[in-house]
Amino acid sequence: MLKYIYFNAQGLKNYFLYVKVFCFIQESHSGLNDSNSWKTQWGE
């Protein structure tokens, strides 16, 4: 059970990383390249 939770957490981490990169690329393409608001949005 603990193993399952661990792998699930890893999967979630990868998913959020993918979403992060996707949003970053979308912003770059649309010319709204405001990295400060992007970083704030993701709490970095």
N, C-alpha and C. Protein backbone atom coordinates (compact mmCIF):
# COMPACT_ATOMS: atom_id res chain seq x y z
N MET A 1 0.83 -1.21 0.00
CA MET A 1 0.00 0.00 0.00
C MET A 1 0.87 1.26 0.00
N LEU A 2 1.89 1.25 0.83
CA LEU A 2 2.78 2.41 0.91
C LEU A 2 3.50 2.64 -0.42
N LYS A 3 3.87 1.52 -1.05
CA LYS A 3 4.55 1.59 -2.34
C LYS A 3 3.63 2.24 -3.37
N TYR A 4 2.36 1.85 -3.35
CA TYR A 4 1.38 2.39 -4.29
C TYR A 4 1.24 3.90 -4.12
N ILE A 5 1.16 4.33 -2.88
CA ILE A 5 1.04 5.77 -2.58
C ILE A 5 2.28 6.51 -3.07
N TYR A 6 3.44 5.91 -2.88
CA TYR A 6 4.69 6.54 -3.31
C TYR A 6 4.70 6.74 -4.82
N PHE A 7 4.37 5.68 -5.56
CA PHE A 7 4.38 5.78 -7.02
C PHE A 7 3.30 6.73 -7.51
N ASN A 8 2.18 6.77 -6.82
CA ASN A 8 1.11 7.68 -7.16
C ASN A 8 1.58 9.13 -7.01
N ALA A 9 2.32 9.38 -5.93
CA ALA A 9 2.87 10.72 -5.69
C ALA A 9 3.86 11.10 -6.78
N GLN A 10 4.68 10.15 -7.20
CA GLN A 10 5.63 10.38 -8.28
C GLN A 10 4.90 10.72 -9.57
N GLY A 11 3.83 10.00 -9.84
CA GLY A 11 3.02 10.24 -11.03
C GLY A 11 2.41 11.63 -11.01
N LEU A 12 1.92 12.03 -9.84
CA LEU A 12 1.33 13.37 -9.69
C LEU A 12 2.37 14.44 -9.92
N LYS A 13 3.57 14.21 -9.39
CA LYS A 13 4.68 15.17 -9.55
C LYS A 13 4.99 15.36 -11.03
N ASN A 14 5.07 14.22 -11.75
CA ASN A 14 5.35 14.28 -13.18
C ASN A 14 4.23 14.98 -13.93
N TYR A 15 2.99 14.73 -13.52
CA TYR A 15 1.83 15.35 -14.17
C TYR A 15 1.87 16.86 -14.00
N PHE A 16 2.15 17.32 -12.79
CA PHE A 16 2.20 18.76 -12.54
C PHE A 16 3.36 19.41 -13.27
N LEU A 17 4.47 18.69 -13.38
CA LEU A 17 5.61 19.19 -14.13
C LEU A 17 5.23 19.37 -15.60
N TYR A 18 4.51 18.39 -16.14
CA TYR A 18 4.05 18.45 -17.52
C TYR A 18 3.13 19.65 -17.73
N VAL A 19 2.19 19.83 -16.82
CA VAL A 19 1.24 20.96 -16.90
C VAL A 19 2.00 22.27 -16.84
N LYS A 20 2.99 22.34 -15.96
CA LYS A 20 3.81 23.54 -15.79
C LYS A 20 4.51 23.91 -17.09
N VAL A 21 5.17 22.91 -17.68
CA VAL A 21 5.89 23.12 -18.94
C VAL A 21 4.92 23.50 -20.05
N PHE A 22 3.78 22.81 -20.09
CA PHE A 22 2.77 23.09 -21.12
C PHE A 22 2.29 24.54 -21.03
N CYS A 23 1.98 24.99 -19.81
CA CYS A 23 1.52 26.37 -19.61
C CYS A 23 2.60 27.36 -20.00
N PHE A 24 3.84 27.04 -19.67
CA PHE A 24 4.97 27.91 -19.99
C PHE A 24 5.11 28.06 -21.51
N ILE A 25 4.99 26.95 -22.23
CA ILE A 25 5.09 26.97 -23.70
C ILE A 25 3.93 27.76 -24.29
N GLN A 26 2.73 27.55 -23.76
CA GLN A 26 1.55 28.27 -24.24
C GLN A 26 1.75 29.77 -24.09
N GLU A 27 2.26 30.19 -22.94
CA GLU A 27 2.48 31.62 -22.68
C GLU A 27 3.54 32.18 -23.61
N SER A 28 4.58 31.41 -23.86
CA SER A 28 5.65 31.85 -24.74
C SER A 28 5.13 32.05 -26.16
N HIS A 29 4.30 31.14 -26.62
CA HIS A 29 3.77 31.21 -27.98
C HIS A 29 2.78 32.36 -28.14
N SER A 30 2.01 32.63 -27.11
CA SER A 30 1.01 33.70 -27.22
C SER A 30 1.63 35.06 -26.93
N GLY A 31 2.91 35.09 -26.57
CA GLY A 31 3.62 36.34 -26.37
C GLY A 31 3.38 36.95 -25.00
N LEU A 32 2.67 36.23 -24.12
CA LEU A 32 2.45 36.73 -22.77
C LEU A 32 3.56 36.20 -21.86
N ASN A 33 4.78 36.53 -22.23
CA ASN A 33 5.94 35.92 -21.59
C ASN A 33 6.30 36.62 -20.29
N ASP A 34 5.32 36.72 -19.40
CA ASP A 34 5.55 37.36 -18.10
C ASP A 34 5.91 36.27 -17.09
N SER A 35 7.19 35.97 -17.01
CA SER A 35 7.66 34.86 -16.19
C SER A 35 7.41 35.11 -14.70
N ASN A 36 7.33 36.37 -14.29
CA ASN A 36 7.10 36.67 -12.88
C ASN A 36 5.72 36.20 -12.43
N SER A 37 4.69 36.50 -13.22
CA SER A 37 3.34 36.07 -12.86
C SER A 37 3.24 34.55 -12.96
N TRP A 38 3.98 33.96 -13.91
CA TRP A 38 3.97 32.51 -14.08
C TRP A 38 4.58 31.83 -12.85
N LYS A 39 5.68 32.38 -12.36
CA LYS A 39 6.33 31.81 -11.17
C LYS A 39 5.44 31.97 -9.94
N THR A 40 4.80 33.13 -9.82
CA THR A 40 3.92 33.36 -8.68
C THR A 40 2.74 32.41 -8.72
N GLN A 41 2.23 32.17 -9.92
CA GLN A 41 1.08 31.29 -10.10
C GLN A 41 1.37 29.89 -9.59
N TRP A 42 2.60 29.43 -9.75
CA TRP A 42 2.98 28.09 -9.33
C TRP A 42 3.67 28.08 -7.96
N GLY A 43 3.75 29.27 -7.33
CA GLY A 43 4.29 29.35 -5.98
C GLY A 43 5.76 29.08 -5.89
N GLU A 44 6.52 29.56 -6.90
CA GLU A 44 7.96 29.34 -6.87
C GLU A 44 8.68 30.63 -6.52
